[in-house]
Amino acid sequence: MEGVFIVSPDLLVRFPALILRLALDKGLPLPSQRKEWVAQGALFSYGPNYAAVGRDARYVDMILKGTHPPDLPVEQMSRFELIINLKTAQALGFTIPPMLLFQADEVIRGPATTQEIMPRWALP
């Protein structure tokens, strides 16, 4: 079984619709670390909840109260989310084990075709 794993952040930012379309058209599973990509057709993501990270204003609060940035502790994400696109899995012929679906933080049930991902005018 083959798949696609994009390492370049530049490609991910510049060509998300093209990468998703090509992976789906070629029947290749595409993992991601962003929930948004899974909602658009990537097979799954496992990574931090970036929205929750952005809402964490403790560091800003400490800096505004006079703490010097070098004195702040380095923190690592301790919570990662597993998001699975079940429709994409089915379109690729994968059966996701029920236990994995149960453990997922979210199961997205679509889209899995190029036409559902982006409007036709947005496709390169």
PDB file of N, CA and C in Angstrom:
ATOM      1  N   MET A   1       0.845  -1.179   0.000  1.00  0.00           N
ATOM      2  CA  MET A   1       0.000   0.000   0.000  1.00  0.00           C
ATOM      3  C   MET A   1       0.885   1.234   0.000  1.00  0.00           C
ATOM      4  N   GLU A   2       0.547   2.161  -0.824  1.00  0.00           N
ATOM      5  CA  GLU A   2       1.270   3.427  -0.908  1.00  0.00           C
ATOM      6  C   GLU A   2       0.457   4.520  -0.227  1.00  0.00           C
ATOM      7  N   GLY A   3       1.111   5.621   0.059  1.00  0.00           N
ATOM      8  CA  GLY A   3       0.451   6.767   0.667  1.00  0.00           C
ATOM      9  C   GLY A   3       1.247   8.024   0.396  1.00  0.00           C
ATOM     10  N   VAL A   4       0.762   9.123   0.867  1.00  0.00           N
ATOM     11  CA  VAL A   4       1.411  10.422   0.678  1.00  0.00           C
ATOM     12  C   VAL A   4       1.667  11.030   2.047  1.00  0.00           C
ATOM     13  N   PHE A   5       2.865  11.522   2.248  1.00  0.00           N
ATOM     14  CA  PHE A   5       3.185  12.264   3.462  1.00  0.00           C
ATOM     15  C   PHE A   5       3.979  13.489   3.034  1.00  0.00           C
ATOM     16  N   ILE A   6       3.421  14.657   3.208  1.00  0.00           N
ATOM     17  CA  ILE A   6       4.043  15.910   2.779  1.00  0.00           C
ATOM     18  C   ILE A   6       4.850  16.474   3.946  1.00  0.00           C
ATOM     19  N   VAL A   7       6.140  16.661   3.716  1.00  0.00           N
ATOM     20  CA  VAL A   7       7.023  17.163   4.763  1.00  0.00           C
ATOM     21  C   VAL A   7       7.183  18.681   4.674  1.00  0.00           C
ATOM     22  N   SER A   8       7.141  19.219   3.491  1.00  0.00           N
ATOM     23  CA  SER A   8       7.396  20.641   3.277  1.00  0.00           C
ATOM     24  C   SER A   8       6.229  21.509   3.743  1.00  0.00           C
ATOM     25  N   PRO A   9       6.434  22.352   4.746  1.00  0.00           N
ATOM     26  CA  PRO A   9       5.363  23.255   5.172  1.00  0.00           C
ATOM     27  C   PRO A   9       4.971  24.223   4.057  1.00  0.00           C
ATOM     28  N   ASP A  10       5.933  24.581   3.216  1.00  0.00           N
ATOM     29  CA  ASP A  10       5.652  25.499   2.120  1.00  0.00           C
ATOM     30  C   ASP A  10       4.625  24.898   1.156  1.00  0.00           C
ATOM     31  N   LEU A  11       4.796  23.627   0.817  1.00  0.00           N
ATOM     32  CA  LEU A  11       3.826  22.968  -0.065  1.00  0.00           C
ATOM     33  C   LEU A  11       2.452  22.879   0.588  1.00  0.00           C
ATOM     34  N   LEU A  12       2.427  22.576   1.864  1.00  0.00           N
ATOM     35  CA  LEU A  12       1.154  22.438   2.575  1.00  0.00           C
ATOM     36  C   LEU A  12       0.379  23.746   2.612  1.00  0.00           C
ATOM     37  N   VAL A  13       1.092  24.843   2.757  1.00  0.00           N
ATOM     38  CA  VAL A  13       0.439  26.149   2.848  1.00  0.00           C
ATOM     39  C   VAL A  13       0.025  26.659   1.470  1.00  0.00           C
ATOM     40  N   ARG A  14       0.867  26.430   0.468  1.00  0.00           N
ATOM     41  CA  ARG A  14       0.614  26.985  -0.857  1.00  0.00           C
ATOM     42  C   ARG A  14      -0.354  26.174  -1.714  1.00  0.00           C
ATOM     43  N   PHE A  15      -0.369  24.861  -1.543  1.00  0.00           N
ATOM     44  CA  PHE A  15      -1.134  24.017  -2.461  1.00  0.00           C
ATOM     45  C   PHE A  15      -2.027  22.983  -1.763  1.00  0.00           C
ATOM     46  N   PRO A  16      -2.765  23.359  -0.727  1.00  0.00           N
ATOM     47  CA  PRO A  16      -3.563  22.345  -0.027  1.00  0.00           C
ATOM     48  C   PRO A  16      -4.617  21.690  -0.915  1.00  0.00           C
ATOM     49  N   ALA A  17      -5.335  22.474  -1.713  1.00  0.00           N
ATOM     50  CA  ALA A  17      -6.394  21.901  -2.561  1.00  0.00           C
ATOM     51  C   ALA A  17      -5.801  20.946  -3.591  1.00  0.00           C
ATOM     52  N   LEU A  18      -4.675  21.317  -4.175  1.00  0.00           N
ATOM     53  CA  LEU A  18      -4.034  20.465  -5.179  1.00  0.00           C
ATOM     54  C   LEU A  18      -3.544  19.155  -4.551  1.00  0.00           C
ATOM     55  N   ILE A  19      -2.925  19.237  -3.392  1.00  0.00           N
ATOM     56  CA  ILE A  19      -2.415  18.040  -2.713  1.00  0.00           C
ATOM     57  C   ILE A  19      -3.570  17.100  -2.370  1.00  0.00           C
ATOM     58  N   LEU A  20      -4.646  17.639  -1.815  1.00  0.00           N
ATOM     59  CA  LEU A  20      -5.805  16.816  -1.480  1.00  0.00           C
ATOM     60  C   LEU A  20      -6.418  16.185  -2.725  1.00  0.00           C
ATOM     61  N   ARG A  21      -6.576  16.977  -3.770  1.00  0.00           N
ATOM     62  CA  ARG A  21      -7.181  16.474  -5.009  1.00  0.00           C
ATOM     63  C   ARG A  21      -6.352  15.364  -5.615  1.00  0.00           C
ATOM     64  N   LEU A  22      -5.033  15.562  -5.708  1.00  0.00           N
ATOM     65  CA  LEU A  22      -4.167  14.544  -6.306  1.00  0.00           C
ATOM     66  C   LEU A  22      -4.152  13.254  -5.482  1.00  0.00           C
ATOM     67  N   ALA A  23      -4.096  13.388  -4.173  1.00  0.00           N
ATOM     68  CA  ALA A  23      -4.097  12.190  -3.326  1.00  0.00           C
ATOM     69  C   ALA A  23      -5.388  11.398  -3.509  1.00  0.00           C
ATOM     70  N   LEU A  24      -6.518  12.090  -3.515  1.00  0.00           N
ATOM     71  CA  LEU A  24      -7.798  11.400  -3.681  1.00  0.00           C
ATOM     72  C   LEU A  24      -7.944  10.819  -5.084  1.00  0.00           C
ATOM     73  N   ASP A  25      -7.543  11.590  -6.102  1.00  0.00           N
ATOM     74  CA  ASP A  25      -7.645  11.097  -7.480  1.00  0.00           C
ATOM     75  C   ASP A  25      -6.802   9.852  -7.702  1.00  0.00           C
ATOM     76  N   LYS A  26      -5.660   9.767  -7.039  1.00  0.00           N
ATOM     77  CA  LYS A  26      -4.754   8.615  -7.186  1.00  0.00           C
ATOM     78  C   LYS A  26      -5.068   7.505  -6.184  1.00  0.00           C
ATOM     79  N   GLY A  27      -6.044   7.738  -5.315  1.00  0.00           N
ATOM     80  CA  GLY A  27      -6.418   6.725  -4.333  1.00  0.00           C
ATOM     81  C   GLY A  27      -5.364   6.502  -3.265  1.00  0.00           C
ATOM     82  N   LEU A  28      -4.658   7.570  -2.905  1.00  0.00           N
ATOM     83  CA  LEU A  28      -3.584   7.462  -1.916  1.00  0.00           C
ATOM     84  C   LEU A  28      -4.027   8.064  -0.577  1.00  0.00           C
ATOM     85  N   PRO A  29      -3.820   7.350   0.513  1.00  0.00           N
ATOM     86  CA  PRO A  29      -4.154   7.920   1.823  1.00  0.00           C
ATOM     87  C   PRO A  29      -3.218   9.083   2.153  1.00  0.00           C
ATOM     88  N   LEU A  30      -3.782  10.120   2.719  1.00  0.00           N
ATOM     89  CA  LEU A  30      -3.020  11.314   3.072  1.00  0.00           C
ATOM     90  C   LEU A  30      -3.257  11.633   4.544  1.00  0.00           C
ATOM     91  N   PRO A  31      -2.248  11.412   5.390  1.00  0.00           N
ATOM     92  CA  PRO A  31      -2.382  11.836   6.787  1.00  0.00           C
ATOM     93  C   PRO A  31      -2.115  13.331   6.891  1.00  0.00           C
ATOM     94  N   SER A  32      -2.523  13.909   7.983  1.00  0.00           N
ATOM     95  CA  SER A  32      -2.304  15.337   8.196  1.00  0.00           C
ATOM     96  C   SER A  32      -2.150  15.582   9.688  1.00  0.00           C
ATOM     97  N   GLN A  33      -1.666  16.748  10.024  1.00  0.00           N
ATOM     98  CA  GLN A  33      -1.655  17.118  11.437  1.00  0.00           C
ATOM     99  C   GLN A  33      -2.642  18.242  11.703  1.00  0.00           C
ATOM    100  N   ARG A  34      -3.462  18.553  10.709  1.00  0.00           N
ATOM    101  CA  ARG A  34      -4.463  19.599  10.860  1.00  0.00           C
ATOM    102  C   ARG A  34      -5.862  19.041  10.653  1.00  0.00           C
ATOM    103  N   LYS A  35      -6.728  19.330  11.579  1.00  0.00           N
ATOM    104  CA  LYS A  35      -8.114  18.860  11.527  1.00  0.00           C
ATOM    105  C   LYS A  35      -8.816  19.357  10.259  1.00  0.00           C
ATOM    106  N   GLU A  36      -8.505  20.565   9.834  1.00  0.00           N
ATOM    107  CA  GLU A  36      -9.161  21.151   8.670  1.00  0.00           C
ATOM    108  C   GLU A  36      -8.946  20.309   7.421  1.00  0.00           C
ATOM    109  N   TRP A  37      -7.764  19.730   7.289  1.00  0.00           N
ATOM    110  CA  TRP A  37      -7.469  18.902   6.123  1.00  0.00           C
ATOM    111  C   TRP A  37      -8.314  17.640   6.133  1.00  0.00           C
ATOM    112  N   VAL A  38      -8.524  17.075   7.295  1.00  0.00           N
ATOM    113  CA  VAL A  38      -9.340  15.861   7.395  1.00  0.00           C
ATOM    114  C   VAL A  38     -10.771  16.186   6.995  1.00  0.00           C
ATOM    115  N   ALA A  39     -11.258  17.333   7.396  1.00  0.00           N
ATOM    116  CA  ALA A  39     -12.605  17.748   7.011  1.00  0.00           C
ATOM    117  C   ALA A  39     -12.709  17.916   5.494  1.00  0.00           C
ATOM    118  N   GLN A  40     -11.587  18.180   4.827  1.00  0.00           N
ATOM    119  CA  GLN A  40     -11.589  18.371   3.376  1.00  0.00           C
ATOM    120  C   GLN A  40     -11.222  17.107   2.604  1.00  0.00           C
ATOM    121  N   GLY A  41     -10.891  16.011   3.304  1.00  0.00           N
ATOM    122  CA  GLY A  41     -10.657  14.767   2.592  1.00  0.00           C
ATOM    123  C   GLY A  41      -9.426  13.976   2.973  1.00  0.00           C
ATOM    124  N   ALA A  42      -8.532  14.516   3.807  1.00  0.00           N
ATOM    125  CA  ALA A  42      -7.388  13.722   4.261  1.00  0.00           C
ATOM    126  C   ALA A  42      -7.910  12.562   5.105  1.00  0.00           C
ATOM    127  N   LEU A  43      -7.164  11.475   5.163  1.00  0.00           N
ATOM    128  CA  LEU A  43      -7.633  10.272   5.851  1.00  0.00           C
ATOM    129  C   LEU A  43      -7.734  10.461   7.367  1.00  0.00           C
ATOM    130  N   PHE A  44      -6.697  11.027   7.963  1.00  0.00           N
ATOM    131  CA  PHE A  44      -6.728  11.220   9.415  1.00  0.00           C
ATOM    132  C   PHE A  44      -5.727  12.295   9.801  1.00  0.00           C
ATOM    133  N   SER A  45      -5.853  12.768  11.020  1.00  0.00           N
ATOM    134  CA  SER A  45      -4.845  13.649  11.601  1.00  0.00           C
ATOM    135  C   SER A  45      -4.620  13.214  13.038  1.00  0.00           C
ATOM    136  N   TYR A  46      -3.406  13.400  13.466  1.00  0.00           N
ATOM    137  CA  TYR A  46      -3.066  13.164  14.862  1.00  0.00           C
ATOM    138  C   TYR A  46      -2.110  14.274  15.253  1.00  0.00           C
ATOM    139  N   GLY A  47      -2.583  15.183  16.051  1.00  0.00           N
ATOM    140  CA  GLY A  47      -1.750  16.317  16.431  1.00  0.00           C
ATOM    141  C   GLY A  47      -2.463  17.187  17.436  1.00  0.00           C
ATOM    142  N   PRO A  48      -1.833  18.301  17.767  1.00  0.00           N
ATOM    143  CA  PRO A  48      -2.424  19.195  18.762  1.00  0.00           C
ATOM    144  C   PRO A  48      -3.655  19.900  18.223  1.00  0.00           C
ATOM    145  N   ASN A  49      -4.497  20.324  19.125  1.00  0.00           N
ATOM    146  CA  ASN A  49      -5.644  21.141  18.773  1.00  0.00           C
ATOM    147  C   ASN A  49      -5.144  22.583  18.716  1.00  0.00           C
ATOM    148  N   TYR A  50      -4.887  23.071  17.504  1.00  0.00           N
ATOM    149  CA  TYR A  50      -4.287  24.399  17.360  1.00  0.00           C
ATOM    150  C   TYR A  50      -5.202  25.508  17.858  1.00  0.00           C
ATOM    151  N   ALA A  51      -6.501  25.313  17.779  1.00  0.00           N
ATOM    152  CA  ALA A  51      -7.421  26.328  18.292  1.00  0.00           C
ATOM    153  C   ALA A  51      -7.277  26.454  19.804  1.00  0.00           C
ATOM    154  N   ALA A  52      -7.127  25.333  20.492  1.00  0.00           N
ATOM    155  CA  ALA A  52      -6.951  25.369  21.946  1.00  0.00           C
ATOM    156  C   ALA A  52      -5.623  26.010  22.323  1.00  0.00           C
ATOM    157  N   VAL A  53      -4.598  25.739  21.536  1.00  0.00           N
ATOM    158  CA  VAL A  53      -3.288  26.347  21.791  1.00  0.00           C
ATOM    159  C   VAL A  53      -3.395  27.859  21.663  1.00  0.00           C
ATOM    160  N   GLY A  54      -4.105  28.322  20.648  1.00  0.00           N
ATOM    161  CA  GLY A  54      -4.257  29.758  20.425  1.00  0.00           C
ATOM    162  C   GLY A  54      -5.043  30.452  21.519  1.00  0.00           C
ATOM    163  N   ARG A  55      -5.933  29.721  22.166  1.00  0.00           N
ATOM    164  CA  ARG A  55      -6.735  30.328  23.232  1.00  0.00           C
ATOM    165  C   ARG A  55      -5.988  30.404  24.557  1.00  0.00           C
ATOM    166  N   ASP A  56      -4.858  29.746  24.630  1.00  0.00           N
ATOM    167  CA  ASP A  56      -4.115  29.714  25.885  1.00  0.00           C
ATOM    168  C   ASP A  56      -3.329  31.014  26.028  1.00  0.00           C
ATOM    169  N   ALA A  57      -3.869  31.923  26.781  1.00  0.00           N
ATOM    170  CA  ALA A  57      -3.273  33.256  26.915  1.00  0.00           C
ATOM    171  C   ALA A  57      -2.455  33.406  28.189  1.00  0.00           C
ATOM    172  N   ARG A  58      -2.132  32.306  28.849  1.00  0.00           N
ATOM    173  CA  ARG A  58      -1.380  32.404  30.111  1.00  0.00           C
ATOM    174  C   ARG A  58      -0.032  33.088  29.905  1.00  0.00           C
ATOM    175  N   TYR A  59       0.658  32.738  28.841  1.00  0.00           N
ATOM    176  CA  TYR A  59       1.970  33.329  28.611  1.00  0.00           C
ATOM    177  C   TYR A  59       1.860  34.824  28.363  1.00  0.00           C
ATOM    178  N   VAL A  60       0.886  35.243  27.589  1.00  0.00           N
ATOM    179  CA  VAL A  60       0.687  36.667  27.336  1.00  0.00           C
ATOM    180  C   VAL A  60       0.391  37.377  28.647  1.00  0.00           C
ATOM    181  N   ASP A  61      -0.459  36.770  29.462  1.00  0.00           N
ATOM    182  CA  ASP A  61      -0.796  37.355  30.754  1.00  0.00           C
ATOM    183  C   ASP A  61       0.437  37.509  31.635  1.00  0.00           C
ATOM    184  N   MET A  62       1.287  36.476  31.684  1.00  0.00           N
ATOM    185  CA  MET A  62       2.492  36.549  32.529  1.00  0.00           C
ATOM    186  C   MET A  62       3.461  37.614  32.015  1.00  0.00           C
ATOM    187  N   ILE A  63       3.598  37.726  30.709  1.00  0.00           N
ATOM    188  CA  ILE A  63       4.508  38.741  30.145  1.00  0.00           C
ATOM    189  C   ILE A  63       3.980  40.143  30.437  1.00  0.00           C
ATOM    190  N   LEU A  64       2.666  40.329  30.265  1.00  0.00           N
ATOM    191  CA  LEU A  64       2.084  41.645  30.546  1.00  0.00           C
ATOM    192  C   LEU A  64       2.182  42.015  32.023  1.00  0.00           C
ATOM    193  N   LYS A  65       2.277  41.012  32.890  1.00  0.00           N
ATOM    194  CA  LYS A  65       2.422  41.269  34.318  1.00  0.00           C
ATOM    195  C   LYS A  65       3.883  41.391  34.739  1.00  0.00           C
ATOM    196  N   GLY A  66       4.803  41.364  33.762  1.00  0.00           N
ATOM    197  CA  GLY A  66       6.199  41.640  34.066  1.00  0.00           C
ATOM    198  C   GLY A  66       7.160  40.472  34.024  1.00  0.00           C
ATOM    199  N   THR A  67       6.701  39.267  33.779  1.00  0.00           N
ATOM    200  CA  THR A  67       7.616  38.124  33.696  1.00  0.00           C
ATOM    201  C   THR A  67       8.449  38.254  32.431  1.00  0.00           C
ATOM    202  N   HIS A  68       9.742  38.058  32.562  1.00  0.00           N
ATOM    203  CA  HIS A  68      10.626  38.119  31.395  1.00  0.00           C
ATOM    204  C   HIS A  68      10.463  36.825  30.595  1.00  0.00           C
ATOM    205  N   PRO A  69      10.276  36.913  29.278  1.00  0.00           N
ATOM    206  CA  PRO A  69      10.064  35.717  28.445  1.00  0.00           C
ATOM    207  C   PRO A  69      11.088  34.605  28.665  1.00  0.00           C
ATOM    208  N   PRO A  70      12.404  34.921  28.841  1.00  0.00           N
ATOM    209  CA  PRO A  70      13.342  33.815  29.068  1.00  0.00           C
ATOM    210  C   PRO A  70      13.101  33.058  30.376  1.00  0.00           C
ATOM    211  N   ASP A  71      12.353  33.671  31.304  1.00  0.00           N
ATOM    212  CA  ASP A  71      12.070  33.018  32.573  1.00  0.00           C
ATOM    213  C   ASP A  71      10.847  32.089  32.518  1.00  0.00           C
ATOM    214  N   LEU A  72      10.119  32.131  31.412  1.00  0.00           N
ATOM    215  CA  LEU A  72       8.925  31.288  31.292  1.00  0.00           C
ATOM    216  C   LEU A  72       9.324  29.848  30.994  1.00  0.00           C
ATOM    217  N   PRO A  73       8.626  28.893  31.584  1.00  0.00           N
ATOM    218  CA  PRO A  73       8.948  27.491  31.326  1.00  0.00           C
ATOM    219  C   PRO A  73       8.563  27.089  29.901  1.00  0.00           C
ATOM    220  N   VAL A  74       9.317  26.180  29.351  1.00  0.00           N
ATOM    221  CA  VAL A  74       8.984  25.628  28.040  1.00  0.00           C
ATOM    222  C   VAL A  74       7.936  24.549  28.263  1.00  0.00           C
ATOM    223  N   GLU A  75       6.863  24.626  27.502  1.00  0.00           N
ATOM    224  CA  GLU A  75       5.799  23.644  27.639  1.00  0.00           C
ATOM    225  C   GLU A  75       5.644  22.868  26.347  1.00  0.00           C
ATOM    226  N   GLN A  76       5.308  21.620  26.495  1.00  0.00           N
ATOM    227  CA  GLN A  76       5.063  20.764  25.342  1.00  0.00           C
ATOM    228  C   GLN A  76       3.596  20.362  25.366  1.00  0.00           C
ATOM    229  N   MET A  77       3.021  20.217  24.193  1.00  0.00           N
ATOM    230  CA  MET A  77       1.635  19.777  24.111  1.00  0.00           C
ATOM    231  C   MET A  77       1.501  18.423  24.798  1.00  0.00           C
ATOM    232  N   SER A  78       0.508  18.299  25.628  1.00  0.00           N
ATOM    233  CA  SER A  78       0.291  17.026  26.308  1.00  0.00           C
ATOM    234  C   SER A  78      -0.969  16.331  25.801  1.00  0.00           C
ATOM    235  N   ARG A  79      -1.739  17.025  25.007  1.00  0.00           N
ATOM    236  CA  ARG A  79      -2.994  16.472  24.489  1.00  0.00           C
ATOM    237  C   ARG A  79      -2.982  16.515  22.972  1.00  0.00           C
ATOM    238  N   PHE A  80      -3.126  15.377  22.357  1.00  0.00           N
ATOM    239  CA  PHE A  80      -3.198  15.283  20.907  1.00  0.00           C
ATOM    240  C   PHE A  80      -4.562  14.717  20.521  1.00  0.00           C
ATOM    241  N   GLU A  81      -5.070  15.145  19.388  1.00  0.00           N
ATOM    242  CA  GLU A  81      -6.370  14.701  18.915  1.00  0.00           C
ATOM    243  C   GLU A  81      -6.207  13.756  17.725  1.00  0.00           C
ATOM    244  N   LEU A  82      -7.031  12.711  17.704  1.00  0.00           N
ATOM    245  CA  LEU A  82      -7.108  11.815  16.565  1.00  0.00           C
ATOM    246  C   LEU A  82      -8.427  12.095  15.860  1.00  0.00           C
ATOM    247  N   ILE A  83      -8.332  12.541  14.606  1.00  0.00           N
ATOM    248  CA  ILE A  83      -9.503  12.836  13.792  1.00  0.00           C
ATOM    249  C   ILE A  83      -9.447  11.894  12.588  1.00  0.00           C
ATOM    250  N   ILE A  84     -10.538  11.192  12.311  1.00  0.00           N
ATOM    251  CA  ILE A  84     -10.587  10.233  11.211  1.00  0.00           C
ATOM    252  C   ILE A  84     -11.709  10.617  10.254  1.00  0.00           C
ATOM    253  N   ASN A  85     -11.407  10.590   8.947  1.00  0.00           N
ATOM    254  CA  ASN A  85     -12.430  10.825   7.937  1.00  0.00           C
ATOM    255  C   ASN A  85     -12.899   9.458   7.441  1.00  0.00           C
ATOM    256  N   LEU A  86     -14.044   9.044   7.909  1.00  0.00           N
ATOM    257  CA  LEU A  86     -14.567   7.715   7.598  1.00  0.00           C
ATOM    258  C   LEU A  86     -14.963   7.590   6.127  1.00  0.00           C
ATOM    259  N   LYS A  87     -15.488   8.648   5.543  1.00  0.00           N
ATOM    260  CA  LYS A  87     -15.887   8.582   4.129  1.00  0.00           C
ATOM    261  C   LYS A  87     -14.660   8.409   3.232  1.00  0.00           C
ATOM    262  N   THR A  88     -13.571   9.101   3.573  1.00  0.00           N
ATOM    263  CA  THR A  88     -12.331   8.933   2.808  1.00  0.00           C
ATOM    264  C   THR A  88     -11.808   7.514   2.962  1.00  0.00           C
ATOM    265  N   ALA A  89     -11.849   6.980   4.166  1.00  0.00           N
ATOM    266  CA  ALA A  89     -11.389   5.606   4.401  1.00  0.00           C
ATOM    267  C   ALA A  89     -12.193   4.628   3.552  1.00  0.00           C
ATOM    268  N   GLN A  90     -13.499   4.801   3.520  1.00  0.00           N
ATOM    269  CA  GLN A  90     -14.337   3.926   2.720  1.00  0.00           C
ATOM    270  C   GLN A  90     -14.046   4.085   1.229  1.00  0.00           C
ATOM    271  N   ALA A  91     -13.830   5.315   0.768  1.00  0.00           N
ATOM    272  CA  ALA A  91     -13.523   5.552  -0.642  1.00  0.00           C
ATOM    273  C   ALA A  91     -12.195   4.904  -1.034  1.00  0.00           C
ATOM    274  N   LEU A  92     -11.255   4.811  -0.096  1.00  0.00           N
ATOM    275  CA  LEU A  92      -9.956   4.189  -0.364  1.00  0.00           C
ATOM    276  C   LEU A  92      -9.983   2.675  -0.135  1.00  0.00           C
ATOM    277  N   GLY A  93     -11.117   2.162   0.325  1.00  0.00           N
ATOM    278  CA  GLY A  93     -11.240   0.721   0.561  1.00  0.00           C
ATOM    279  C   GLY A  93     -10.693   0.269   1.897  1.00  0.00           C
ATOM    280  N   PHE A  94     -10.553   1.191   2.846  1.00  0.00           N
ATOM    281  CA  PHE A  94     -10.061   0.843   4.176  1.00  0.00           C
ATOM    282  C   PHE A  94     -11.222   0.570   5.112  1.00  0.00           C
ATOM    283  N   THR A  95     -11.037  -0.368   5.993  1.00  0.00           N
ATOM    284  CA  THR A  95     -11.967  -0.597   7.082  1.00  0.00           C
ATOM    285  C   THR A  95     -11.260  -0.157   8.358  1.00  0.00           C
ATOM    286  N   ILE A  96     -11.818   0.832   8.992  1.00  0.00           N
ATOM    287  CA  ILE A  96     -11.228   1.336  10.231  1.00  0.00           C
ATOM    288  C   ILE A  96     -11.774   0.480  11.382  1.00  0.00           C
ATOM    289  N   PRO A  97     -10.888  -0.109  12.178  1.00  0.00           N
ATOM    290  CA  PRO A  97     -11.355  -0.946  13.289  1.00  0.00           C
ATOM    291  C   PRO A  97     -12.264  -0.152  14.233  1.00  0.00           C
ATOM    292  N   PRO A  98     -13.341  -0.773  14.690  1.00  0.00           N
ATOM    293  CA  PRO A  98     -14.274  -0.083  15.590  1.00  0.00           C
ATOM    294  C   PRO A  98     -13.592   0.499  16.830  1.00  0.00           C
ATOM    295  N   MET A  99     -12.596  -0.182  17.373  1.00  0.00           N
ATOM    296  CA  MET A  99     -11.916   0.326  18.564  1.00  0.00           C
ATOM    297  C   MET A  99     -11.190   1.640  18.263  1.00  0.00           C
ATOM    298  N   LEU A 100     -10.609   1.758  17.069  1.00  0.00           N
ATOM    299  CA  LEU A 100      -9.937   2.996  16.689  1.00  0.00           C
ATOM    300  C   LEU A 100     -10.956   4.115  16.513  1.00  0.00           C
ATOM    301  N   LEU A 101     -12.096   3.800  15.920  1.00  0.00           N
ATOM    302  CA  LEU A 101     -13.158   4.803  15.783  1.00  0.00           C
ATOM    303  C   LEU A 101     -13.660   5.247  17.153  1.00  0.00           C
ATOM    304  N   PHE A 102     -13.749   4.316  18.076  1.00  0.00           N
ATOM    305  CA  PHE A 102     -14.186   4.632  19.431  1.00  0.00           C
ATOM    306  C   PHE A 102     -13.188   5.550  20.135  1.00  0.00           C
ATOM    307  N   GLN A 103     -11.892   5.334  19.887  1.00  0.00           N
ATOM    308  CA  GLN A 103     -10.851   6.128  20.540  1.00  0.00           C
ATOM    309  C   GLN A 103     -10.641   7.485  19.884  1.00  0.00           C
ATOM    310  N   ALA A 104     -11.136   7.653  18.668  1.00  0.00           N
ATOM    311  CA  ALA A 104     -10.946   8.919  17.959  1.00  0.00           C
ATOM    312  C   ALA A 104     -11.676  10.044  18.682  1.00  0.00           C
ATOM    313  N   ASP A 105     -11.073  11.221  18.662  1.00  0.00           N
ATOM    314  CA  ASP A 105     -11.714  12.394  19.252  1.00  0.00           C
ATOM    315  C   ASP A 105     -12.869  12.869  18.388  1.00  0.00           C
ATOM    316  N   GLU A 106     -12.744  12.625  17.078  1.00  0.00           N
ATOM    317  CA  GLU A 106     -13.806  13.017  16.147  1.00  0.00           C
ATOM    318  C   GLU A 106     -13.746  12.114  14.929  1.00  0.00           C
ATOM    319  N   VAL A 107     -14.921  11.743  14.430  1.00  0.00           N
ATOM    320  CA  VAL A 107     -15.015  10.977  13.197  1.00  0.00           C
ATOM    321  C   VAL A 107     -15.803  11.828  12.215  1.00  0.00           C
ATOM    322  N   ILE A 108     -15.152  12.167  11.110  1.00  0.00           N
ATOM    323  CA  ILE A 108     -15.776  12.987  10.073  1.00  0.00           C
ATOM    324  C   ILE A 108     -16.300  12.049   9.003  1.00  0.00           C
ATOM    325  N   ARG A 109     -17.504  12.289   8.565  1.00  0.00           N
ATOM    326  CA  ARG A 109     -18.122  11.385   7.609  1.00  0.00           C
ATOM    327  C   ARG A 109     -18.183  11.964   6.205  1.00  0.00           C
ATOM    328  N   GLY A 110     -17.231  12.825   5.828  1.00  0.00           N
ATOM    329  CA  GLY A 110     -17.164  13.332   4.458  1.00  0.00           C
ATOM    330  C   GLY A 110     -16.337  14.581   4.405  1.00  0.00           C
ATOM    331  N   PRO A 111     -16.034  15.111   3.271  1.00  0.00           N
ATOM    332  CA  PRO A 111     -16.198  14.578   1.928  1.00  0.00           C
ATOM    333  C   PRO A 111     -15.016  13.699   1.533  1.00  0.00           C
ATOM    334  N   ALA A 112     -15.150  13.003   0.406  1.00  0.00           N
ATOM    335  CA  ALA A 112     -14.065  12.146  -0.044  1.00  0.00           C
ATOM    336  C   ALA A 112     -13.859  12.194  -1.541  1.00  0.00           C
ATOM    337  N   THR A 113     -14.544  13.074  -2.224  1.00  0.00           N
ATOM    338  CA  THR A 113     -14.310  13.204  -3.658  1.00  0.00           C
ATOM    339  C   THR A 113     -13.862  14.620  -3.944  1.00  0.00           C
ATOM    340  N   THR A 114     -13.138  14.790  -5.030  1.00  0.00           N
ATOM    341  CA  THR A 114     -12.607  16.091  -5.398  1.00  0.00           C
ATOM    342  C   THR A 114     -13.713  17.132  -5.488  1.00  0.00           C
ATOM    343  N   GLN A 115     -14.834  16.776  -6.078  1.00  0.00           N
ATOM    344  CA  GLN A 115     -15.915  17.739  -6.250  1.00  0.00           C
ATOM    345  C   GLN A 115     -16.487  18.177  -4.913  1.00  0.00           C
ATOM    346  N   GLU A 116     -16.461  17.313  -3.910  1.00  0.00           N
ATOM    347  CA  GLU A 116     -16.988  17.668  -2.605  1.00  0.00           C
ATOM    348  C   GLU A 116     -16.002  18.510  -1.798  1.00  0.00           C
ATOM    349  N   ILE A 117     -14.722  18.384  -2.095  1.00  0.00           N
ATOM    350  CA  ILE A 117     -13.700  19.082  -1.313  1.00  0.00           C
ATOM    351  C   ILE A 117     -13.700  20.565  -1.627  1.00  0.00           C
ATOM    352  N   MET A 118     -13.634  20.904  -2.905  1.00  0.00           N
ATOM    353  CA  MET A 118     -13.497  22.285  -3.310  1.00  0.00           C
ATOM    354  C   MET A 118     -14.468  22.559  -4.461  1.00  0.00           C
ATOM    355  N   PRO A 119     -14.957  23.782  -4.566  1.00  0.00           N
ATOM    356  CA  PRO A 119     -15.755  24.105  -5.750  1.00  0.00           C
ATOM    357  C   PRO A 119     -14.900  23.941  -7.003  1.00  0.00           C
ATOM    358  N   ARG A 120     -15.527  23.603  -8.107  1.00  0.00           N
ATOM    359  CA  ARG A 120     -14.789  23.336  -9.351  1.00  0.00           C
ATOM    360  C   ARG A 120     -13.882  24.518  -9.741  1.00  0.00           C
ATOM    361  N   TRP A 121     -14.328  25.755  -9.527  1.00  0.00           N
ATOM    362  CA  TRP A 121     -13.521  26.905  -9.919  1.00  0.00           C
ATOM    363  C   TRP A 121     -12.257  27.029  -9.105  1.00  0.00           C
ATOM    364  N   ALA A 122     -12.191  26.394  -7.918  1.00  0.00           N
ATOM    365  CA  ALA A 122     -11.012  26.508  -7.048  1.00  0.00           C
ATOM    366  C   ALA A 122      -9.969  25.454  -7.344  1.00  0.00           C
ATOM    367  N   LEU A 123     -10.320  24.449  -8.162  1.00  0.00           N
ATOM    368  CA  LEU A 123      -9.370  23.382  -8.455  1.00  0.00           C
ATOM    369  C   LEU A 123      -8.359  23.846  -9.485  1.00  0.00           C
ATOM    370  N   PRO A 124      -7.070  23.566  -9.253  1.00  0.00           N
ATOM    371  CA  PRO A 124      -6.045  23.974 -10.223  1.00  0.00           C
ATOM    372  C   PRO A 124      -6.139  23.162 -11.493  1.00  0.00           C
TER     373      PRO A 124
END
